[in-house]
All heavy atoms as atom14 arrays in JSON, in Angstrom:
{
  "sequence": "VYSVSPKLGDAYCMIPIYSAHLNLGFNKGTLIPDPSGFLQGTGKLI",
  "atom14_mask": [
    [1, 1, 1, 1, 1, 1, 1, 0, 0, 0, 0, 0, 0, 0],
    [1, 1, 1, 1, 1, 1, 1, 1, 1, 1, 1, 1, 0, 0],
    [1, 1, 1, 1, 1, 1, 0, 0, 0, 0, 0, 0, 0, 0],
    [1, 1, 1, 1, 1, 1, 1, 0, 0, 0, 0, 0, 0, 0],
    [1, 1, 1, 1, 1, 1, 0, 0, 0, 0, 0, 0, 0, 0],
    [1, 1, 1, 1, 1, 1, 1, 0, 0, 0, 0, 0, 0, 0],
    [1, 1, 1, 1, 1, 1, 1, 1, 1, 0, 0, 0, 0, 0],
    [1, 1, 1, 1, 1, 1, 1, 1, 0, 0, 0, 0, 0, 0],
    [1, 1, 1, 1, 0, 0, 0, 0, 0, 0, 0, 0, 0, 0],
    [1, 1, 1, 1, 1, 1, 1, 1, 0, 0, 0, 0, 0, 0],
    [1, 1, 1, 1, 1, 0, 0, 0, 0, 0, 0, 0, 0, 0],
    [1, 1, 1, 1, 1, 1, 1, 1, 1, 1, 1, 1, 0, 0],
    [1, 1, 1, 1, 1, 1, 0, 0, 0, 0, 0, 0, 0, 0],
    [1, 1, 1, 1, 1, 1, 1, 1, 0, 0, 0, 0, 0, 0],
    [1, 1, 1, 1, 1, 1, 1, 1, 0, 0, 0, 0, 0, 0],
    [1, 1, 1, 1, 1, 1, 1, 0, 0, 0, 0, 0, 0, 0],
    [1, 1, 1, 1, 1, 1, 1, 1, 0, 0, 0, 0, 0, 0],
    [1, 1, 1, 1, 1, 1, 1, 1, 1, 1, 1, 1, 0, 0],
    [1, 1, 1, 1, 1, 1, 0, 0, 0, 0, 0, 0, 0, 0],
    [1, 1, 1, 1, 1, 0, 0, 0, 0, 0, 0, 0, 0, 0],
    [1, 1, 1, 1, 1, 1, 1, 1, 1, 1, 0, 0, 0, 0],
    [1, 1, 1, 1, 1, 1, 1, 1, 0, 0, 0, 0, 0, 0],
    [1, 1, 1, 1, 1, 1, 1, 1, 0, 0, 0, 0, 0, 0],
    [1, 1, 1, 1, 1, 1, 1, 1, 0, 0, 0, 0, 0, 0],
    [1, 1, 1, 1, 0, 0, 0, 0, 0, 0, 0, 0, 0, 0],
    [1, 1, 1, 1, 1, 1, 1, 1, 1, 1, 1, 0, 0, 0],
    [1, 1, 1, 1, 1, 1, 1, 1, 0, 0, 0, 0, 0, 0],
    [1, 1, 1, 1, 1, 1, 1, 1, 1, 0, 0, 0, 0, 0],
    [1, 1, 1, 1, 0, 0, 0, 0, 0, 0, 0, 0, 0, 0],
    [1, 1, 1, 1, 1, 1, 1, 0, 0, 0, 0, 0, 0, 0],
    [1, 1, 1, 1, 1, 1, 1, 1, 0, 0, 0, 0, 0, 0],
    [1, 1, 1, 1, 1, 1, 1, 1, 0, 0, 0, 0, 0, 0],
    [1, 1, 1, 1, 1, 1, 1, 0, 0, 0, 0, 0, 0, 0],
    [1, 1, 1, 1, 1, 1, 1, 1, 0, 0, 0, 0, 0, 0],
    [1, 1, 1, 1, 1, 1, 1, 0, 0, 0, 0, 0, 0, 0],
    [1, 1, 1, 1, 1, 1, 0, 0, 0, 0, 0, 0, 0, 0],
    [1, 1, 1, 1, 0, 0, 0, 0, 0, 0, 0, 0, 0, 0],
    [1, 1, 1, 1, 1, 1, 1, 1, 1, 1, 1, 0, 0, 0],
    [1, 1, 1, 1, 1, 1, 1, 1, 0, 0, 0, 0, 0, 0],
    [1, 1, 1, 1, 1, 1, 1, 1, 1, 0, 0, 0, 0, 0],
    [1, 1, 1, 1, 0, 0, 0, 0, 0, 0, 0, 0, 0, 0],
    [1, 1, 1, 1, 1, 1, 1, 0, 0, 0, 0, 0, 0, 0],
    [1, 1, 1, 1, 0, 0, 0, 0, 0, 0, 0, 0, 0, 0],
    [1, 1, 1, 1, 1, 1, 1, 1, 1, 0, 0, 0, 0, 0],
    [1, 1, 1, 1, 1, 1, 1, 1, 0, 0, 0, 0, 0, 0],
    [1, 1, 1, 1, 1, 1, 1, 1, 0, 0, 0, 0, 0, 0]
  ],
  "atom14_positions": [
    [[0.86, -1.17, 0.0], [0.0, 0.0, 0.0], [0.9, 1.23, 0.0], [1.89, 1.27, 0.71], [-0.92, 0.0, 1.25], [-1.8, 1.22, 1.28], [-1.75, -1.28, 1.31], [0.0, 0.0, 0.0], [0.0, 0.0, 0.0], [0.0, 0.0, 0.0], [0.0, 0.0, 0.0], [0.0, 0.0, 0.0], [0.0, 0.0, 0.0], [0.0, 0.0, 0.0]],
    [[0.52, 2.24, -0.76], [1.33, 3.45, -0.91], [0.56, 4.62, -0.32], [-0.59, 4.87, -0.69], [1.72, 3.65, -2.38], [2.47, 2.42, -2.83], [1.81, 1.36, -3.42], [3.82, 2.28, -2.53], [2.48, 0.19, -3.74], [4.5, 1.12, -2.85], [3.82, 0.08, -3.45], [4.5, -1.08, -3.75], [0.0, 0.0, 0.0], [0.0, 0.0, 0.0]],
    [[1.2, 5.3, 0.64], [0.52, 6.29, 1.45], [1.34, 7.57, 1.56], [2.56, 7.54, 1.46], [0.29, 5.7, 2.85], [-0.37, 6.61, 3.69], [0.0, 0.0, 0.0], [0.0, 0.0, 0.0], [0.0, 0.0, 0.0], [0.0, 0.0, 0.0], [0.0, 0.0, 0.0], [0.0, 0.0, 0.0], [0.0, 0.0, 0.0], [0.0, 0.0, 0.0]],
    [[0.66, 8.67, 1.81], [1.34, 9.96, 1.99], [1.83, 10.14, 3.42], [2.48, 11.13, 3.73], [0.44, 11.15, 1.57], [0.09, 11.04, 0.09], [-0.81, 11.25, 2.42], [0.0, 0.0, 0.0], [0.0, 0.0, 0.0], [0.0, 0.0, 0.0], [0.0, 0.0, 0.0], [0.0, 0.0, 0.0], [0.0, 0.0, 0.0], [0.0, 0.0, 0.0]],
    [[1.52, 9.18, 4.29], [2.0, 9.2, 5.67], [2.16, 7.75, 6.12], [1.82, 6.83, 5.37], [0.99, 9.92, 6.58], [-0.05, 9.05, 6.95], [0.0, 0.0, 0.0], [0.0, 0.0, 0.0], [0.0, 0.0, 0.0], [0.0, 0.0, 0.0], [0.0, 0.0, 0.0], [0.0, 0.0, 0.0], [0.0, 0.0, 0.0], [0.0, 0.0, 0.0]],
    [[2.61, 7.51, 7.33], [2.71, 6.13, 7.82], [1.35, 5.48, 8.12], [1.29, 4.32, 8.48], [3.51, 6.26, 9.11], [4.17, 7.57, 9.06], [3.29, 8.45, 8.23], [0.0, 0.0, 0.0], [0.0, 0.0, 0.0], [0.0, 0.0, 0.0], [0.0, 0.0, 0.0], [0.0, 0.0, 0.0], [0.0, 0.0, 0.0], [0.0, 0.0, 0.0]],
    [[0.27, 6.22, 7.92], [-1.06, 5.72, 8.25], [-1.74, 5.1, 7.03], [-1.74, 5.69, 5.95], [-1.94, 6.85, 8.78], [-1.5, 7.4, 10.12], [-2.27, 8.62, 10.54], [-3.76, 8.48, 10.37], [-4.52, 9.67, 10.76], [0.0, 0.0, 0.0], [0.0, 0.0, 0.0], [0.0, 0.0, 0.0], [0.0, 0.0, 0.0], [0.0, 0.0, 0.0]],
    [[-2.35, 3.94, 7.23], [-3.09, 3.28, 6.17], [-4.23, 4.17, 5.66], [-4.51, 4.2, 4.46], [-3.66, 1.95, 6.67], [-4.44, 1.12, 5.66], [-3.58, 0.76, 4.46], [-4.98, -0.13, 6.33], [0.0, 0.0, 0.0], [0.0, 0.0, 0.0], [0.0, 0.0, 0.0], [0.0, 0.0, 0.0], [0.0, 0.0, 0.0], [0.0, 0.0, 0.0]],
    [[-4.85, 4.94, 6.53], [-5.94, 5.82, 6.14], [-5.52, 6.93, 5.19], [-6.37, 7.57, 4.57], [0.0, 0.0, 0.0], [0.0, 0.0, 0.0], [0.0, 0.0, 0.0], [0.0, 0.0, 0.0], [0.0, 0.0, 0.0], [0.0, 0.0, 0.0], [0.0, 0.0, 0.0], [0.0, 0.0, 0.0], [0.0, 0.0, 0.0], [0.0, 0.0, 0.0]],
    [[-4.23, 7.18, 5.05], [-3.71, 8.2, 4.15], [-3.2, 7.61, 2.83], [-2.5, 8.27, 2.08], [-2.59, 8.99, 4.82], [-3.08, 9.86, 5.96], [-4.27, 10.26, 5.93], [-2.29, 10.14, 6.88], [0.0, 0.0, 0.0], [0.0, 0.0, 0.0], [0.0, 0.0, 0.0], [0.0, 0.0, 0.0], [0.0, 0.0, 0.0], [0.0, 0.0, 0.0]],
    [[-3.56, 6.34, 2.57], [-3.08, 5.67, 1.36], [-3.81, 6.17, 0.12], [-4.95, 6.6, 0.19], [-3.28, 4.16, 1.51], [0.0, 0.0, 0.0], [0.0, 0.0, 0.0], [0.0, 0.0, 0.0], [0.0, 0.0, 0.0], [0.0, 0.0, 0.0], [0.0, 0.0, 0.0], [0.0, 0.0, 0.0], [0.0, 0.0, 0.0], [0.0, 0.0, 0.0]],
    [[-3.11, 6.12, -0.99], [-3.69, 6.55, -2.25], [-3.8, 5.42, -3.27], [-4.66, 5.43, -4.13], [-2.97, 7.76, -2.85], [-1.5, 7.55, -3.12], [-1.05, 7.15, -4.36], [-0.56, 7.77, -2.11], [0.29, 6.97, -4.61], [0.78, 7.6, -2.35], [1.2, 7.2, -3.59], [2.54, 7.02, -3.82], [0.0, 0.0, 0.0], [0.0, 0.0, 0.0]],
    [[-2.9, 4.44, -3.2], [-3.04, 3.29, -4.09], [-2.41, 2.06, -3.46], [-1.75, 2.15, -2.43], [-2.46, 3.57, -5.48], [-0.67, 3.64, -5.61], [0.0, 0.0, 0.0], [0.0, 0.0, 0.0], [0.0, 0.0, 0.0], [0.0, 0.0, 0.0], [0.0, 0.0, 0.0], [0.0, 0.0, 0.0], [0.0, 0.0, 0.0], [0.0, 0.0, 0.0]],
    [[-2.64, 0.92, -4.1], [-2.16, -0.35, -3.55], [-1.97, -1.36, -4.67], [-2.54, -1.2, -5.76], [-3.14, -0.89, -2.53], [-4.48, -1.27, -3.12], [-5.67, -1.73, -1.85], [-7.05, -0.71, -2.35], [0.0, 0.0, 0.0], [0.0, 0.0, 0.0], [0.0, 0.0, 0.0], [0.0, 0.0, 0.0], [0.0, 0.0, 0.0], [0.0, 0.0, 0.0]],
    [[-1.18, -2.37, -4.37], [-1.0, -3.48, -5.3], [-1.32, -4.77, -4.54], [-0.47, -5.3, -3.84], [0.42, -3.57, -5.86], [0.9, -2.25, -6.44], [0.49, -4.68, -6.92], [2.38, -2.23, -6.8], [0.0, 0.0, 0.0], [0.0, 0.0, 0.0], [0.0, 0.0, 0.0], [0.0, 0.0, 0.0], [0.0, 0.0, 0.0], [0.0, 0.0, 0.0]],
    [[-2.54, -5.27, -4.65], [-2.83, -6.58, -4.07], [-2.44, -7.68, -5.07], [-2.73, -7.58, -6.26], [-4.35, -6.55, -3.86], [-4.86, -5.55, -4.83], [-3.73, -4.58, -5.11], [0.0, 0.0, 0.0], [0.0, 0.0, 0.0], [0.0, 0.0, 0.0], [0.0, 0.0, 0.0], [0.0, 0.0, 0.0], [0.0, 0.0, 0.0], [0.0, 0.0, 0.0]],
    [[-1.73, -8.68, -4.56], [-1.3, -9.81, -5.38], [-2.1, -11.02, -4.93], [-1.98, -11.47, -3.79], [0.2, -10.1, -5.2], [1.02, -8.83, -5.34], [0.66, -11.17, -6.17], [2.45, -8.98, -4.85], [0.0, 0.0, 0.0], [0.0, 0.0, 0.0], [0.0, 0.0, 0.0], [0.0, 0.0, 0.0], [0.0, 0.0, 0.0], [0.0, 0.0, 0.0]],
    [[-2.91, -11.54, -5.81], [-3.73, -12.71, -5.52], [-3.02, -13.96, -6.04], [-1.86, -13.88, -6.44], [-5.12, -12.53, -6.14], [-5.83, -11.32, -5.6], [-5.85, -10.13, -6.32], [-6.45, -11.34, -4.36], [-6.49, -9.0, -5.83], [-7.09, -10.22, -3.84], [-7.1, -9.05, -4.59], [-7.73, -7.94, -4.08], [0.0, 0.0, 0.0], [0.0, 0.0, 0.0]],
    [[-3.66, -15.1, -6.05], [-2.98, -16.32, -6.46], [-2.64, -16.34, -7.95], [-1.64, -16.91, -8.34], [-3.82, -17.55, -6.1], [-5.1, -17.45, -6.69], [0.0, 0.0, 0.0], [0.0, 0.0, 0.0], [0.0, 0.0, 0.0], [0.0, 0.0, 0.0], [0.0, 0.0, 0.0], [0.0, 0.0, 0.0], [0.0, 0.0, 0.0], [0.0, 0.0, 0.0]],
    [[-3.46, -15.71, -8.8], [-3.2, -15.77, -10.23], [-3.22, -14.41, -10.93], [-3.11, -14.35, -12.15], [-4.21, -16.69, -10.89], [0.0, 0.0, 0.0], [0.0, 0.0, 0.0], [0.0, 0.0, 0.0], [0.0, 0.0, 0.0], [0.0, 0.0, 0.0], [0.0, 0.0, 0.0], [0.0, 0.0, 0.0], [0.0, 0.0, 0.0], [0.0, 0.0, 0.0]],
    [[-3.39, -13.32, -10.19], [-3.42, -12.0, -10.82], [-3.1, -10.93, -9.79], [-3.04, -11.19, -8.59], [-4.79, -11.73, -11.47], [-5.89, -11.49, -10.49], [-6.5, -12.49, -9.77], [-6.49, -10.33, -10.1], [-7.43, -11.97, -8.99], [-7.44, -10.66, -9.16], [0.0, 0.0, 0.0], [0.0, 0.0, 0.0], [0.0, 0.0, 0.0], [0.0, 0.0, 0.0]],
    [[-2.91, -9.71, -10.28], [-2.75, -8.57, -9.38], [-3.49, -7.38, -9.95], [-3.88, -7.37, -11.12], [-1.27, -8.25, -9.11], [-0.35, -7.89, -10.25], [-0.34, -6.38, -10.47], [1.05, -8.33, -9.91], [0.0, 0.0, 0.0], [0.0, 0.0, 0.0], [0.0, 0.0, 0.0], [0.0, 0.0, 0.0], [0.0, 0.0, 0.0], [0.0, 0.0, 0.0]],
    [[-3.73, -6.41, -9.09], [-4.45, -5.19, -9.47], [-3.65, -3.98, -9.03], [-2.84, -4.05, -8.1], [-5.81, -5.1, -8.77], [-6.78, -6.16, -9.22], [-6.77, -6.58, -10.36], [-7.65, -6.59, -8.31], [0.0, 0.0, 0.0], [0.0, 0.0, 0.0], [0.0, 0.0, 0.0], [0.0, 0.0, 0.0], [0.0, 0.0, 0.0], [0.0, 0.0, 0.0]],
    [[-3.93, -2.87, -9.68], [-3.5, -1.57, -9.18], [-4.77, -0.96, -8.59], [-5.7, -0.62, -9.32], [-2.94, -0.7, -10.3], [-2.63, 0.76, -9.93], [-1.65, 0.85, -8.76], [-2.1, 1.51, -11.14], [0.0, 0.0, 0.0], [0.0, 0.0, 0.0], [0.0, 0.0, 0.0], [0.0, 0.0, 0.0], [0.0, 0.0, 0.0], [0.0, 0.0, 0.0]],
    [[-4.83, -0.91, -7.27], [-6.02, -0.43, -6.59], [-5.9, 1.01, -6.15], [-4.8, 1.51, -5.9], [0.0, 0.0, 0.0], [0.0, 0.0, 0.0], [0.0, 0.0, 0.0], [0.0, 0.0, 0.0], [0.0, 0.0, 0.0], [0.0, 0.0, 0.0], [0.0, 0.0, 0.0], [0.0, 0.0, 0.0], [0.0, 0.0, 0.0], [0.0, 0.0, 0.0]],
    [[-7.03, 1.67, -6.06], [-7.11, 3.07, -5.62], [-8.07, 3.13, -4.44], [-9.25, 2.83, -4.57], [-7.58, 3.97, -6.76], [-6.6, 4.02, -7.89], [-6.63, 3.09, -8.9], [-5.61, 4.99, -7.9], [-5.7, 3.12, -9.93], [-4.67, 5.04, -8.92], [-4.72, 4.09, -9.93], [0.0, 0.0, 0.0], [0.0, 0.0, 0.0], [0.0, 0.0, 0.0]],
    [[-7.54, 3.52, -3.28], [-8.3, 3.51, -2.04], [-9.55, 4.38, -2.11], [-10.56, 4.07, -1.49], [-7.4, 3.96, -0.88], [-6.25, 3.0, -0.71], [-5.5, 2.75, -1.63], [-6.11, 2.44, 0.47], [0.0, 0.0, 0.0], [0.0, 0.0, 0.0], [0.0, 0.0, 0.0], [0.0, 0.0, 0.0], [0.0, 0.0, 0.0], [0.0, 0.0, 0.0]],
    [[-9.48, 5.48, -2.82], [-10.63, 6.36, -2.99], [-10.9, 6.57, -4.48], [-11.11, 7.67, -4.96], [-10.38, 7.7, -2.28], [-10.24, 7.51, -0.77], [-9.98, 8.81, -0.05], [-9.83, 8.54, 1.44], [-9.45, 9.75, 2.17], [0.0, 0.0, 0.0], [0.0, 0.0, 0.0], [0.0, 0.0, 0.0], [0.0, 0.0, 0.0], [0.0, 0.0, 0.0]],
    [[-10.94, 5.45, -5.18], [-11.09, 5.48, -6.62], [-12.38, 6.1, -7.12], [-12.42, 6.64, -8.22], [0.0, 0.0, 0.0], [0.0, 0.0, 0.0], [0.0, 0.0, 0.0], [0.0, 0.0, 0.0], [0.0, 0.0, 0.0], [0.0, 0.0, 0.0], [0.0, 0.0, 0.0], [0.0, 0.0, 0.0], [0.0, 0.0, 0.0], [0.0, 0.0, 0.0]],
    [[-13.43, 6.03, -6.32], [-14.69, 6.64, -6.76], [-14.63, 8.16, -6.7], [-15.5, 8.82, -7.27], [-15.88, 6.16, -5.9], [-15.65, 6.51, -4.54], [-16.08, 4.66, -6.03], [0.0, 0.0, 0.0], [0.0, 0.0, 0.0], [0.0, 0.0, 0.0], [0.0, 0.0, 0.0], [0.0, 0.0, 0.0], [0.0, 0.0, 0.0], [0.0, 0.0, 0.0]],
    [[-13.62, 8.71, -6.03], [-13.52, 10.15, -5.86], [-12.54, 10.82, -6.81], [-12.37, 12.04, -6.76], [-13.12, 10.47, -4.41], [-14.05, 9.91, -3.32], [-13.52, 10.27, -1.94], [-15.48, 10.39, -3.52], [0.0, 0.0, 0.0], [0.0, 0.0, 0.0], [0.0, 0.0, 0.0], [0.0, 0.0, 0.0], [0.0, 0.0, 0.0], [0.0, 0.0, 0.0]],
    [[-11.9, 10.04, -7.67], [-10.95, 10.64, -8.62], [-11.52, 10.56, -10.04], [-12.26, 9.62, -10.37], [-9.55, 9.97, -8.55], [-9.62, 8.47, -8.81], [-8.88, 10.27, -7.23], [-8.28, 7.79, -8.87], [0.0, 0.0, 0.0], [0.0, 0.0, 0.0], [0.0, 0.0, 0.0], [0.0, 0.0, 0.0], [0.0, 0.0, 0.0], [0.0, 0.0, 0.0]],
    [[-11.2, 11.55, -10.86], [-11.69, 11.52, -12.24], [-11.09, 10.35, -13.02], [-9.91, 10.04, -12.86], [-11.22, 12.85, -12.82], [-10.46, 13.56, -11.78], [-10.41, 12.72, -10.55], [0.0, 0.0, 0.0], [0.0, 0.0, 0.0], [0.0, 0.0, 0.0], [0.0, 0.0, 0.0], [0.0, 0.0, 0.0], [0.0, 0.0, 0.0], [0.0, 0.0, 0.0]],
    [[-11.91, 9.72, -13.84], [-11.46, 8.6, -14.66], [-12.04, 8.74, -16.07], [-12.87, 7.95, -16.5], [-11.91, 7.28, -14.02], [-11.49, 6.05, -14.8], [-10.51, 6.13, -15.57], [-12.14, 5.01, -14.65], [0.0, 0.0, 0.0], [0.0, 0.0, 0.0], [0.0, 0.0, 0.0], [0.0, 0.0, 0.0], [0.0, 0.0, 0.0], [0.0, 0.0, 0.0]],
    [[-11.61, 9.78, -16.81], [-12.2, 10.03, -18.12], [-12.0, 8.9, -19.12], [-12.79, 8.73, -20.05], [-11.51, 11.32, -18.59], [-10.28, 11.43, -17.78], [-10.56, 10.75, -16.48], [0.0, 0.0, 0.0], [0.0, 0.0, 0.0], [0.0, 0.0, 0.0], [0.0, 0.0, 0.0], [0.0, 0.0, 0.0], [0.0, 0.0, 0.0], [0.0, 0.0, 0.0]],
    [[-10.96, 8.08, -18.95], [-10.7, 6.98, -19.88], [-11.45, 5.71, -19.5], [-11.43, 4.74, -20.26], [-9.2, 6.69, -19.94], [-8.51, 7.83, -20.4], [0.0, 0.0, 0.0], [0.0, 0.0, 0.0], [0.0, 0.0, 0.0], [0.0, 0.0, 0.0], [0.0, 0.0, 0.0], [0.0, 0.0, 0.0], [0.0, 0.0, 0.0], [0.0, 0.0, 0.0]],
    [[-12.07, 5.69, -18.33], [-12.85, 4.53, -17.91], [-12.03, 3.3, -17.56], [-12.48, 2.17, -17.74], [0.0, 0.0, 0.0], [0.0, 0.0, 0.0], [0.0, 0.0, 0.0], [0.0, 0.0, 0.0], [0.0, 0.0, 0.0], [0.0, 0.0, 0.0], [0.0, 0.0, 0.0], [0.0, 0.0, 0.0], [0.0, 0.0, 0.0], [0.0, 0.0, 0.0]],
    [[-10.83, 3.5, -17.03], [-9.97, 2.38, -16.67], [-10.38, 1.69, -15.37], [-10.16, 0.5, -15.2], [-8.51, 2.83, -16.5], [-7.8, 3.15, -17.78], [-7.06, 4.3, -17.9], [-7.87, 2.3, -18.86], [-6.39, 4.6, -19.07], [-7.21, 2.58, -20.05], [-6.48, 3.74, -20.15], [0.0, 0.0, 0.0], [0.0, 0.0, 0.0], [0.0, 0.0, 0.0]],
    [[-10.96, 2.44, -14.45], [-11.22, 1.9, -13.11], [-12.42, 0.96, -13.1], [-13.45, 1.23, -13.71], [-11.43, 3.04, -12.12], [-10.23, 3.96, -11.92], [-10.57, 5.1, -10.97], [-9.02, 3.19, -11.41], [0.0, 0.0, 0.0], [0.0, 0.0, 0.0], [0.0, 0.0, 0.0], [0.0, 0.0, 0.0], [0.0, 0.0, 0.0], [0.0, 0.0, 0.0]],
    [[-12.25, -0.15, -12.38], [-13.3, -1.15, -12.24], [-13.64, -1.33, -10.77], [-12.84, -1.02, -9.89], [-12.84, -2.48, -12.82], [-12.56, -2.44, -14.29], [-12.14, -3.79, -14.83], [-12.31, -4.83, -14.19], [-11.58, -3.8, -16.03], [0.0, 0.0, 0.0], [0.0, 0.0, 0.0], [0.0, 0.0, 0.0], [0.0, 0.0, 0.0], [0.0, 0.0, 0.0]],
    [[-14.81, -1.88, -10.49], [-15.21, -2.18, -9.13], [-16.58, -1.61, -8.84], [-17.08, -0.74, -9.55], [0.0, 0.0, 0.0], [0.0, 0.0, 0.0], [0.0, 0.0, 0.0], [0.0, 0.0, 0.0], [0.0, 0.0, 0.0], [0.0, 0.0, 0.0], [0.0, 0.0, 0.0], [0.0, 0.0, 0.0], [0.0, 0.0, 0.0], [0.0, 0.0, 0.0]],
    [[-17.17, -2.11, -7.76], [-18.53, -1.7, -7.4], [-18.65, -1.24, -5.95], [-19.74, -0.93, -5.5], [-19.52, -2.86, -7.63], [-19.1, -3.98, -6.84], [-19.58, -3.25, -9.11], [0.0, 0.0, 0.0], [0.0, 0.0, 0.0], [0.0, 0.0, 0.0], [0.0, 0.0, 0.0], [0.0, 0.0, 0.0], [0.0, 0.0, 0.0], [0.0, 0.0, 0.0]],
    [[-17.54, -1.19, -5.23], [-17.58, -0.78, -3.83], [-17.85, 0.71, -3.68], [-17.89, 1.46, -4.65], [0.0, 0.0, 0.0], [0.0, 0.0, 0.0], [0.0, 0.0, 0.0], [0.0, 0.0, 0.0], [0.0, 0.0, 0.0], [0.0, 0.0, 0.0], [0.0, 0.0, 0.0], [0.0, 0.0, 0.0], [0.0, 0.0, 0.0], [0.0, 0.0, 0.0]],
    [[-18.03, 1.13, -2.43], [-18.32, 2.55, -2.17], [-17.15, 3.46, -2.48], [-17.35, 4.6, -2.88], [-18.73, 2.74, -0.7], [-20.11, 2.23, -0.4], [-20.49, 2.59, 1.02], [-21.93, 2.16, 1.28], [-22.38, 2.63, 2.58], [0.0, 0.0, 0.0], [0.0, 0.0, 0.0], [0.0, 0.0, 0.0], [0.0, 0.0, 0.0], [0.0, 0.0, 0.0]],
    [[-15.91, 3.0, -2.28], [-14.73, 3.84, -2.51], [-13.68, 3.22, -3.42], [-13.16, 3.87, -4.3], [-14.07, 4.22, -1.18], [-14.72, 5.31, -0.36], [-13.98, 5.51, 0.95], [-14.75, 6.62, -1.13], [0.0, 0.0, 0.0], [0.0, 0.0, 0.0], [0.0, 0.0, 0.0], [0.0, 0.0, 0.0], [0.0, 0.0, 0.0], [0.0, 0.0, 0.0]],
    [[-13.32, 1.98, -3.17], [-12.17, 1.37, -3.85], [-12.5, 1.01, -5.29], [-13.57, 0.5, -5.59], [-11.68, 0.12, -3.08], [-11.16, 0.52, -1.7], [-10.61, -0.63, -3.87], [-10.76, -0.65, -0.83], [0.0, 0.0, 0.0], [0.0, 0.0, 0.0], [0.0, 0.0, 0.0], [0.0, 0.0, 0.0], [0.0, 0.0, 0.0], [0.0, 0.0, 0.0]]
  ]
}
């Protein structure tokens, strides 16, 4: 997880590695502009 401080709550992106794939995640992805439509997911923020 990549953060602007030592706190997880201040994170801006992350790389979760699963058994067969990985993602570039955005902790507050619903709050950032995505004009190209790259972001996926259905959660409230991520």
